[in-house]
Amino acid sequence: QEDLVESGGGLVQPGGSLRLSCAVNGPLSHYESIGWFHQAPGRGREGVACISHADGGTVYADSAKGRFAITRDDARNLVFLQMNDLKPEDTGVYYCTADRISPPEAMCSTDHDHDSWGQGTQVTVTS
């Protein structure tokens, strides 16, 4: 059974919105931080938004600030990424990841050494 399962990706026009969901197999409290990473075609995974379980603090990539919002639902073991004003450069695979130790700032700065990854969900922004 997978620890993290993403959903909500799809095809959208520039300026549109999507909400990605990450279903966590177990309480969110098992992890210090949970985050979303973006892998554009031909590139590595980059942190987009990460959230702390302890205090709900959030970290965003510069490209995501003002457009994306990461939230969590502890009762349903879900983490969301609301993406607004989508741009073609937002195209790619979005991965949910969880880390038992790292705070969100550290988590979002690297795609190495995280405890769990989902299989990813494709987002395509095109007219």
Foldseek 3Di string as FASTA:
>chain_A
DAQKAKDWADEAAQQAKIKMKIAGPDFPLQFQKKFKWFDDPPGDTATAKMAGPVPRDMDGDPVQPPFWDWDADRVRRMIMIIGGRDDQRRWGWMKMFTARDDHNVVPRHDPPDTDHIYPTDGHGYHD
